[in-house]
Amino acid sequence: KAVSERTVGKLSLIDLAGSERAAKTDNRGARLTEGANINRSLLALANCINALAQGASKAHVPFRDSKLTRLLKDSLDGHCRTVIITNVSPASDQFEETLNSLKYANRAKNIRTKEIKVAVERCSVLVAAPEIGSAYHLQTERRSALDMGAHERRSAHDL
C-alpha cells in the first residue's frame, strides 16, 4: 500500500449579517423575528470564538448552539487558517456598531490554529478486487440496456 501526502484546501467566504439593534431598524413582524434569529446566531458564534480564544484545550466549544456555528466549525476548530475582515464606518452615528464590530474581530484574532498533516492511503479497489470490477461492468451493461429500452418505448410512443 502506498502512502502519499496531499494538500487539500477549502475556501469559505461568509458574510455575517449586521447585529443592528431592533429599536434602530424599525422592523416589525417577520423582519423583526428574522433579525432576532440572526442576532441569536451571532451570539452563539461569539460564544464559540470566546471559548476558542481562551486557548484551553479542554474548554467546551458550543458549536451545536446554532446552524451558523455548525457550518463554521471547520473554519474555527483549529485545522485551518481563518481570516476575518470587519467592515466599519467612520460616521459618528455608527460609533457603537463600529466599536462592537471591532471588539468582535479582536476576540476572533485570538484564535490560534495549527496545521495538521494527515497521511492518505491509496488503494485501487478495481485492481485489488476484480470481482467488484466485473460487478460494476455488469451493472453498467444493465443500465445501458434499460436506457435503450426506455428510449425505444419513447420512440414508439411518439409515432
N, C-alpha and C. Protein backbone atom coordinates (compact mmCIF):
# COMPACT_ATOMS: atom_id res chain seq x y z
N LYS A 1 0.85 -1.19 0.00
CA LYS A 1 0.00 0.00 0.00
C LYS A 1 0.89 1.24 0.00
N ALA A 2 0.60 2.14 -0.87
CA ALA A 2 1.38 3.37 -0.96
C ALA A 2 0.73 4.45 -0.10
N VAL A 3 1.56 5.21 0.59
CA VAL A 3 1.08 6.32 1.41
C VAL A 3 1.61 7.60 0.79
N SER A 4 0.74 8.55 0.57
CA SER A 4 1.18 9.81 -0.03
C SER A 4 0.63 10.99 0.76
N GLU A 5 1.28 12.12 0.58
CA GLU A 5 0.80 13.35 1.20
C GLU A 5 0.14 14.19 0.13
N ARG A 6 -0.96 14.78 0.50
CA ARG A 6 -1.71 15.60 -0.43
C ARG A 6 -2.22 16.82 0.33
N THR A 7 -2.12 17.96 -0.27
CA THR A 7 -2.64 19.18 0.35
C THR A 7 -4.06 19.40 -0.15
N VAL A 8 -4.97 19.53 0.78
CA VAL A 8 -6.37 19.73 0.45
C VAL A 8 -6.79 21.07 1.03
N GLY A 9 -7.51 21.85 0.27
CA GLY A 9 -7.94 23.15 0.74
C GLY A 9 -9.43 23.34 0.63
N LYS A 10 -9.94 24.23 1.44
CA LYS A 10 -11.35 24.57 1.41
C LYS A 10 -11.44 26.07 1.64
N LEU A 11 -12.14 26.76 0.78
CA LEU A 11 -12.30 28.20 0.93
C LEU A 11 -13.76 28.48 1.26
N SER A 12 -13.97 29.13 2.38
CA SER A 12 -15.33 29.51 2.78
C SER A 12 -15.37 31.02 2.91
N LEU A 13 -16.28 31.65 2.22
CA LEU A 13 -16.49 33.09 2.33
C LEU A 13 -17.86 33.29 2.96
N ILE A 14 -17.88 33.87 4.15
CA ILE A 14 -19.13 34.03 4.88
C ILE A 14 -19.35 35.50 5.16
N ASP A 15 -20.48 36.01 4.75
CA ASP A 15 -20.85 37.40 5.03
C ASP A 15 -21.81 37.37 6.20
N LEU A 16 -21.33 37.79 7.35
CA LEU A 16 -22.18 37.79 8.53
C LEU A 16 -23.03 39.05 8.52
N ALA A 17 -24.32 38.86 8.71
CA ALA A 17 -25.24 40.00 8.73
C ALA A 17 -24.92 40.88 9.93
N GLY A 18 -25.30 42.13 9.82
CA GLY A 18 -25.07 43.05 10.92
C GLY A 18 -25.92 42.71 12.13
N SER A 19 -25.47 43.13 13.28
CA SER A 19 -26.22 42.86 14.51
C SER A 19 -26.88 44.15 14.99
N GLU A 20 -27.66 44.76 14.13
CA GLU A 20 -28.30 46.02 14.47
C GLU A 20 -29.27 45.83 15.62
N ARG A 21 -29.42 46.86 16.36
CA ARG A 21 -30.40 46.84 17.45
C ARG A 21 -31.80 46.96 16.85
N ALA A 22 -32.72 46.21 17.40
CA ALA A 22 -34.09 46.17 16.86
C ALA A 22 -34.74 47.55 16.89
N ALA A 23 -34.46 48.34 17.91
CA ALA A 23 -35.07 49.67 18.02
C ALA A 23 -34.61 50.59 16.89
N LYS A 24 -33.39 50.41 16.41
CA LYS A 24 -32.86 51.28 15.34
C LYS A 24 -33.42 50.92 13.97
N THR A 25 -33.84 49.69 13.78
CA THR A 25 -34.23 49.24 12.44
C THR A 25 -35.69 49.51 12.11
N ASP A 26 -36.53 49.71 13.08
CA ASP A 26 -37.98 49.89 12.87
C ASP A 26 -38.61 48.70 12.17
N ASN A 27 -38.03 47.52 12.29
CA ASN A 27 -38.60 46.32 11.69
C ASN A 27 -39.77 45.82 12.52
N ARG A 28 -40.73 45.22 11.85
CA ARG A 28 -41.91 44.66 12.50
C ARG A 28 -42.16 43.26 11.95
N GLY A 29 -42.87 42.44 12.70
CA GLY A 29 -43.31 41.14 12.22
C GLY A 29 -42.19 40.19 11.87
N ALA A 30 -42.24 39.65 10.64
CA ALA A 30 -41.28 38.63 10.20
C ALA A 30 -39.85 39.16 10.15
N ARG A 31 -39.69 40.42 9.75
CA ARG A 31 -38.33 41.00 9.69
C ARG A 31 -37.74 41.14 11.09
N LEU A 32 -38.56 41.49 12.06
CA LEU A 32 -38.09 41.60 13.44
C LEU A 32 -37.66 40.23 13.96
N THR A 33 -38.46 39.21 13.66
CA THR A 33 -38.13 37.84 14.06
C THR A 33 -36.85 37.36 13.39
N GLU A 34 -36.71 37.66 12.10
CA GLU A 34 -35.50 37.28 11.37
C GLU A 34 -34.27 37.95 11.97
N GLY A 35 -34.39 39.23 12.30
CA GLY A 35 -33.27 39.95 12.92
C GLY A 35 -32.90 39.36 14.27
N ALA A 36 -33.90 38.96 15.04
CA ALA A 36 -33.64 38.33 16.34
C ALA A 36 -32.91 37.00 16.16
N ASN A 37 -33.31 36.22 15.15
CA ASN A 37 -32.64 34.94 14.88
C ASN A 37 -31.19 35.15 14.44
N ILE A 38 -30.95 36.16 13.61
CA ILE A 38 -29.59 36.47 13.18
C ILE A 38 -28.74 36.86 14.38
N ASN A 39 -29.29 37.72 15.24
CA ASN A 39 -28.54 38.13 16.43
C ASN A 39 -28.26 36.96 17.36
N ARG A 40 -29.21 36.02 17.45
CA ARG A 40 -29.01 34.83 18.29
C ARG A 40 -27.87 33.98 17.73
N SER A 41 -27.82 33.84 16.40
CA SER A 41 -26.74 33.08 15.76
C SER A 41 -25.39 33.77 15.95
N LEU A 42 -25.37 35.10 15.84
CA LEU A 42 -24.12 35.84 16.04
C LEU A 42 -23.65 35.73 17.49
N LEU A 43 -24.58 35.68 18.43
CA LEU A 43 -24.21 35.49 19.84
C LEU A 43 -23.62 34.10 20.04
N ALA A 44 -24.22 33.09 19.42
CA ALA A 44 -23.68 31.72 19.51
C ALA A 44 -22.28 31.66 18.91
N LEU A 45 -22.06 32.36 17.80
CA LEU A 45 -20.73 32.42 17.19
C LEU A 45 -19.75 33.12 18.12
N ALA A 46 -20.18 34.20 18.75
CA ALA A 46 -19.31 34.91 19.70
C ALA A 46 -18.93 34.00 20.86
N ASN A 47 -19.87 33.18 21.33
CA ASN A 47 -19.56 32.24 22.42
C ASN A 47 -18.51 31.22 21.98
N CYS A 48 -18.61 30.74 20.74
CA CYS A 48 -17.60 29.81 20.21
C CYS A 48 -16.25 30.49 20.09
N ILE A 49 -16.25 31.71 19.58
CA ILE A 49 -15.00 32.46 19.43
C ILE A 49 -14.35 32.69 20.79
N ASN A 50 -15.15 33.05 21.79
CA ASN A 50 -14.61 33.27 23.14
C ASN A 50 -13.99 31.99 23.70
N ALA A 51 -14.68 30.87 23.52
CA ALA A 51 -14.16 29.59 24.03
C ALA A 51 -12.86 29.21 23.32
N LEU A 52 -12.80 29.42 22.02
CA LEU A 52 -11.60 29.08 21.25
C LEU A 52 -10.45 30.04 21.56
N ALA A 53 -10.76 31.31 21.79
CA ALA A 53 -9.73 32.31 22.05
C ALA A 53 -9.08 32.12 23.42
N GLN A 54 -9.79 31.48 24.35
CA GLN A 54 -9.22 31.22 25.67
C GLN A 54 -8.03 30.29 25.59
N GLY A 55 -8.03 29.44 24.57
CA GLY A 55 -6.89 28.56 24.34
C GLY A 55 -6.85 27.32 25.20
N ALA A 56 -7.75 27.16 26.11
CA ALA A 56 -7.76 25.95 26.94
C ALA A 56 -8.22 24.79 26.08
N SER A 57 -7.40 23.76 25.98
CA SER A 57 -7.73 22.64 25.10
C SER A 57 -8.94 21.85 25.58
N LYS A 58 -9.24 21.93 26.86
CA LYS A 58 -10.37 21.16 27.38
C LYS A 58 -11.63 21.99 27.50
N ALA A 59 -11.57 23.25 27.07
CA ALA A 59 -12.75 24.11 27.15
C ALA A 59 -13.81 23.62 26.16
N HIS A 60 -15.04 23.62 26.61
CA HIS A 60 -16.14 23.21 25.74
C HIS A 60 -16.44 24.34 24.75
N VAL A 61 -16.49 24.01 23.48
CA VAL A 61 -16.83 24.98 22.44
C VAL A 61 -18.23 24.63 21.95
N PRO A 62 -19.20 25.52 22.16
CA PRO A 62 -20.60 25.21 21.85
C PRO A 62 -20.96 25.35 20.37
N PHE A 63 -20.37 24.49 19.52
CA PHE A 63 -20.65 24.55 18.09
C PHE A 63 -22.09 24.16 17.76
N ARG A 64 -22.74 23.40 18.62
CA ARG A 64 -24.09 22.92 18.32
C ARG A 64 -25.20 23.90 18.69
N ASP A 65 -24.81 25.08 19.15
CA ASP A 65 -25.82 26.04 19.60
C ASP A 65 -26.60 26.72 18.47
N SER A 66 -26.08 26.69 17.26
CA SER A 66 -26.82 27.28 16.13
C SER A 66 -26.36 26.65 14.82
N LYS A 67 -27.17 26.83 13.80
CA LYS A 67 -26.80 26.32 12.47
C LYS A 67 -25.54 27.01 11.97
N LEU A 68 -25.43 28.30 12.26
CA LEU A 68 -24.27 29.06 11.81
C LEU A 68 -22.97 28.49 12.39
N THR A 69 -22.96 28.20 13.68
CA THR A 69 -21.73 27.68 14.29
C THR A 69 -21.43 26.27 13.82
N ARG A 70 -22.46 25.48 13.52
CA ARG A 70 -22.21 24.15 12.94
C ARG A 70 -21.59 24.27 11.56
N LEU A 71 -22.06 25.22 10.76
CA LEU A 71 -21.50 25.43 9.43
C LEU A 71 -20.06 25.93 9.48
N LEU A 72 -19.75 26.75 10.47
CA LEU A 72 -18.42 27.35 10.57
C LEU A 72 -17.43 26.53 11.39
N LYS A 73 -17.86 25.39 11.90
CA LYS A 73 -16.99 24.57 12.75
C LYS A 73 -15.65 24.28 12.08
N ASP A 74 -15.67 23.87 10.82
CA ASP A 74 -14.42 23.57 10.10
C ASP A 74 -13.51 24.79 10.00
N SER A 75 -14.11 25.97 9.94
CA SER A 75 -13.32 27.19 9.80
C SER A 75 -12.80 27.72 11.13
N LEU A 76 -13.27 27.16 12.23
CA LEU A 76 -12.88 27.68 13.53
C LEU A 76 -12.16 26.70 14.43
N ASP A 77 -12.26 25.41 14.17
CA ASP A 77 -11.80 24.43 15.15
C ASP A 77 -10.30 24.15 15.15
N GLY A 78 -9.54 24.95 14.46
CA GLY A 78 -8.10 24.84 14.58
C GLY A 78 -7.40 24.05 13.51
N HIS A 79 -8.11 23.57 12.52
CA HIS A 79 -7.49 22.78 11.45
C HIS A 79 -7.40 23.59 10.16
N CYS A 80 -7.24 24.89 10.29
CA CYS A 80 -7.29 25.73 9.10
C CYS A 80 -6.66 27.08 9.39
N ARG A 81 -6.69 27.92 8.40
CA ARG A 81 -6.33 29.33 8.58
C ARG A 81 -7.60 30.13 8.43
N THR A 82 -7.83 31.01 9.37
CA THR A 82 -9.06 31.79 9.37
C THR A 82 -8.70 33.27 9.31
N VAL A 83 -9.39 34.00 8.46
CA VAL A 83 -9.21 35.44 8.32
C VAL A 83 -10.56 36.08 8.54
N ILE A 84 -10.58 37.15 9.31
CA ILE A 84 -11.84 37.88 9.48
C ILE A 84 -11.61 39.30 8.98
N ILE A 85 -12.53 39.76 8.17
CA ILE A 85 -12.49 41.12 7.63
C ILE A 85 -13.69 41.85 8.22
N THR A 86 -13.44 42.96 8.86
CA THR A 86 -14.51 43.70 9.52
C THR A 86 -14.76 45.00 8.78
N ASN A 87 -16.01 45.25 8.48
CA ASN A 87 -16.41 46.48 7.80
C ASN A 87 -16.86 47.47 8.86
N VAL A 88 -16.21 48.63 8.90
CA VAL A 88 -16.56 49.64 9.90
C VAL A 88 -16.89 50.95 9.20
N SER A 89 -17.58 51.81 9.93
CA SER A 89 -18.00 53.09 9.37
C SER A 89 -17.33 54.24 10.14
N PRO A 90 -16.88 55.26 9.42
CA PRO A 90 -16.30 56.42 10.11
C PRO A 90 -17.37 57.39 10.63
N ALA A 91 -18.63 57.14 10.32
CA ALA A 91 -19.70 58.05 10.72
C ALA A 91 -19.89 58.02 12.23
N SER A 92 -20.06 59.20 12.81
CA SER A 92 -20.19 59.28 14.27
C SER A 92 -21.47 58.61 14.78
N ASP A 93 -22.53 58.59 13.97
CA ASP A 93 -23.76 57.94 14.42
C ASP A 93 -23.66 56.41 14.39
N GLN A 94 -22.57 55.88 13.82
CA GLN A 94 -22.34 54.43 13.78
C GLN A 94 -21.24 54.00 14.76
N PHE A 95 -20.88 54.89 15.69
CA PHE A 95 -19.78 54.61 16.61
C PHE A 95 -19.99 53.32 17.39
N GLU A 96 -21.17 53.15 17.95
CA GLU A 96 -21.44 51.97 18.78
C GLU A 96 -21.35 50.68 17.96
N GLU A 97 -21.94 50.67 16.76
CA GLU A 97 -21.88 49.49 15.89
C GLU A 97 -20.44 49.19 15.48
N THR A 98 -19.68 50.24 15.14
CA THR A 98 -18.28 50.06 14.74
C THR A 98 -17.46 49.50 15.89
N LEU A 99 -17.65 50.04 17.08
CA LEU A 99 -16.92 49.56 18.25
C LEU A 99 -17.24 48.09 18.53
N ASN A 100 -18.51 47.72 18.45
CA ASN A 100 -18.90 46.32 18.67
C ASN A 100 -18.28 45.40 17.62
N SER A 101 -18.25 45.84 16.36
CA SER A 101 -17.64 45.04 15.29
C SER A 101 -16.16 44.84 15.55
N LEU A 102 -15.48 45.89 15.98
CA LEU A 102 -14.04 45.79 16.25
C LEU A 102 -13.75 44.89 17.45
N LYS A 103 -14.60 44.95 18.47
CA LYS A 103 -14.43 44.06 19.64
C LYS A 103 -14.62 42.60 19.21
N TYR A 104 -15.61 42.36 18.38
CA TYR A 104 -15.90 41.01 17.87
C TYR A 104 -14.69 40.47 17.11
N ALA A 105 -14.14 41.30 16.21
CA ALA A 105 -12.98 40.89 15.42
C ALA A 105 -11.75 40.70 16.30
N ASN A 106 -11.60 41.52 17.32
CA ASN A 106 -10.45 41.41 18.22
C ASN A 106 -10.48 40.08 18.97
N ARG A 107 -11.66 39.64 19.37
CA ARG A 107 -11.77 38.32 20.03
C ARG A 107 -11.42 37.22 19.04
N ALA A 108 -11.88 37.35 17.79
CA ALA A 108 -11.64 36.31 16.78
C ALA A 108 -10.16 36.19 16.45
N LYS A 109 -9.41 37.28 16.51
CA LYS A 109 -7.99 37.21 16.15
C LYS A 109 -7.18 36.43 17.19
N ASN A 110 -7.74 36.19 18.36
CA ASN A 110 -7.04 35.44 19.40
C ASN A 110 -7.14 33.93 19.23
N ILE A 111 -7.90 33.48 18.24
CA ILE A 111 -7.99 32.05 17.97
C ILE A 111 -6.68 31.61 17.34
N ARG A 112 -6.06 30.59 17.90
CA ARG A 112 -4.81 30.06 17.37
C ARG A 112 -5.09 28.74 16.69
N THR A 113 -4.67 28.63 15.45
CA THR A 113 -4.89 27.40 14.69
C THR A 113 -3.56 26.75 14.39
N LYS A 114 -3.60 25.46 14.10
CA LYS A 114 -2.37 24.75 13.75
C LYS A 114 -2.64 23.80 12.60
N GLU A 115 -1.62 23.62 11.79
CA GLU A 115 -1.73 22.74 10.63
C GLU A 115 -1.66 21.29 11.09
N ILE A 116 -2.48 20.46 10.49
CA ILE A 116 -2.47 19.03 10.80
C ILE A 116 -2.21 18.28 9.52
N LYS A 117 -1.22 17.41 9.55
CA LYS A 117 -0.92 16.59 8.37
C LYS A 117 -1.56 15.23 8.56
N VAL A 118 -2.22 14.79 7.53
CA VAL A 118 -2.90 13.51 7.55
C VAL A 118 -2.36 12.67 6.41
N ALA A 119 -1.95 11.45 6.71
CA ALA A 119 -1.48 10.54 5.66
C ALA A 119 -2.68 9.93 4.97
N VAL A 120 -2.65 9.90 3.67
CA VAL A 120 -3.74 9.33 2.88
C VAL A 120 -3.25 8.03 2.28
N GLU A 121 -4.00 6.98 2.52
CA GLU A 121 -3.62 5.67 2.00
C GLU A 121 -4.28 5.47 0.65
N ARG A 122 -3.48 5.15 -0.34
CA ARG A 122 -4.02 4.90 -1.68
C ARG A 122 -4.46 3.46 -1.79
N CYS A 123 -5.57 3.27 -2.43
CA CYS A 123 -5.99 1.91 -2.71
C CYS A 123 -6.68 1.89 -4.06
N SER A 124 -6.43 0.86 -4.79
CA SER A 124 -7.09 0.73 -6.08
C SER A 124 -8.03 -0.45 -5.99
N VAL A 125 -9.29 -0.14 -5.74
CA VAL A 125 -10.30 -1.15 -5.47
C VAL A 125 -10.50 -2.09 -6.65
N LEU A 126 -10.57 -1.55 -7.85
CA LEU A 126 -10.86 -2.39 -9.01
C LEU A 126 -9.72 -3.35 -9.33
N VAL A 127 -8.49 -2.95 -9.03
CA VAL A 127 -7.35 -3.85 -9.28
C VAL A 127 -7.26 -4.89 -8.17
N ALA A 128 -7.47 -4.47 -6.93
CA ALA A 128 -7.32 -5.39 -5.81
C ALA A 128 -8.47 -6.39 -5.73
N ALA A 129 -9.62 -6.01 -6.20
CA ALA A 129 -10.78 -6.89 -6.12
C ALA A 129 -11.46 -6.95 -7.48
N PRO A 130 -11.01 -7.86 -8.37
CA PRO A 130 -11.57 -7.92 -9.72
C PRO A 130 -13.06 -8.22 -9.75
N GLU A 131 -13.56 -8.93 -8.74
CA GLU A 131 -15.00 -9.24 -8.74
C GLU A 131 -15.83 -7.97 -8.61
N ILE A 132 -15.29 -6.95 -7.94
CA ILE A 132 -16.01 -5.68 -7.85
C ILE A 132 -16.03 -5.02 -9.22
N GLY A 133 -14.91 -5.10 -9.92
CA GLY A 133 -14.83 -4.54 -11.27
C GLY A 133 -15.82 -5.20 -12.21
N SER A 134 -15.93 -6.53 -12.15
CA SER A 134 -16.87 -7.22 -13.04
C SER A 134 -18.31 -6.93 -12.63
N ALA A 135 -18.57 -6.77 -11.34
CA ALA A 135 -19.92 -6.41 -10.89
C ALA A 135 -20.28 -5.01 -11.38
N TYR A 136 -19.32 -4.11 -11.34
CA TYR A 136 -19.55 -2.76 -11.85
C TYR A 136 -19.84 -2.80 -13.34
N HIS A 137 -19.06 -3.59 -14.08
CA HIS A 137 -19.25 -3.72 -15.53
C HIS A 137 -20.64 -4.28 -15.83
N LEU A 138 -21.07 -5.30 -15.08
CA LEU A 138 -22.39 -5.90 -15.27
C LEU A 138 -23.49 -4.87 -15.00
N GLN A 139 -23.32 -4.09 -13.93
CA GLN A 139 -24.32 -3.08 -13.59
C GLN A 139 -24.39 -2.02 -14.69
N THR A 140 -23.25 -1.64 -15.24
CA THR A 140 -23.22 -0.65 -16.33
C THR A 140 -23.94 -1.19 -17.56
N GLU A 141 -23.73 -2.47 -17.88
CA GLU A 141 -24.42 -3.08 -19.02
C GLU A 141 -25.92 -3.08 -18.81
N ARG A 142 -26.36 -3.44 -17.60
CA ARG A 142 -27.80 -3.45 -17.29
C ARG A 142 -28.40 -2.05 -17.44
N ARG A 143 -27.68 -1.06 -16.92
CA ARG A 143 -28.17 0.31 -17.00
C ARG A 143 -28.29 0.75 -18.46
N SER A 144 -27.32 0.38 -19.29
CA SER A 144 -27.36 0.72 -20.72
C SER A 144 -28.55 0.06 -21.40
N ALA A 145 -28.81 -1.21 -21.06
CA ALA A 145 -29.94 -1.93 -21.65
C ALA A 145 -31.26 -1.29 -21.24
N LEU A 146 -31.37 -0.90 -19.98
CA LEU A 146 -32.60 -0.24 -19.51
C LEU A 146 -32.79 1.10 -20.21
N ASP A 147 -31.70 1.87 -20.35
CA ASP A 147 -31.79 3.16 -21.03
C ASP A 147 -32.21 2.98 -22.48
N MET A 148 -31.67 1.95 -23.15
CA MET A 148 -32.00 1.70 -24.55
C MET A 148 -33.47 1.30 -24.67
N GLY A 149 -33.95 0.47 -23.75
CA GLY A 149 -35.36 0.06 -23.76
C GLY A 149 -36.28 1.25 -23.54
N ALA A 150 -35.91 2.14 -22.64
CA ALA A 150 -36.73 3.33 -22.38
C ALA A 150 -36.75 4.23 -23.60
N HIS A 151 -35.61 4.35 -24.27
CA HIS A 151 -35.53 5.17 -25.48
C HIS A 151 -36.42 4.59 -26.59
N GLU A 152 -36.40 3.26 -26.75
CA GLU A 152 -37.24 2.60 -27.77
C GLU A 152 -38.71 2.80 -27.46
N ARG A 153 -39.10 2.70 -26.17
CA ARG A 153 -40.50 2.90 -25.80
C ARG A 153 -40.94 4.33 -26.09
N ARG A 154 -40.07 5.33 -25.80
CA ARG A 154 -40.40 6.72 -26.10
C ARG A 154 -40.55 6.93 -27.60
N SER A 155 -39.67 6.32 -28.40
CA SER A 155 -39.73 6.46 -29.86
C SER A 155 -41.02 5.85 -30.40
N ALA A 156 -41.42 4.69 -29.89
CA ALA A 156 -42.66 4.03 -30.33
C ALA A 156 -43.87 4.86 -29.92
N HIS A 157 -43.80 5.48 -28.74
CA HIS A 157 -44.91 6.28 -28.24
C HIS A 157 -45.08 7.54 -29.08
N ASP A 158 -43.98 8.11 -29.57
CA ASP A 158 -44.03 9.33 -30.38
C ASP A 158 -44.65 9.09 -31.74
N LEU A 159 -44.61 7.84 -32.25
CA LEU A 159 -45.19 7.53 -33.57
C LEU A 159 -46.66 7.53 -33.45
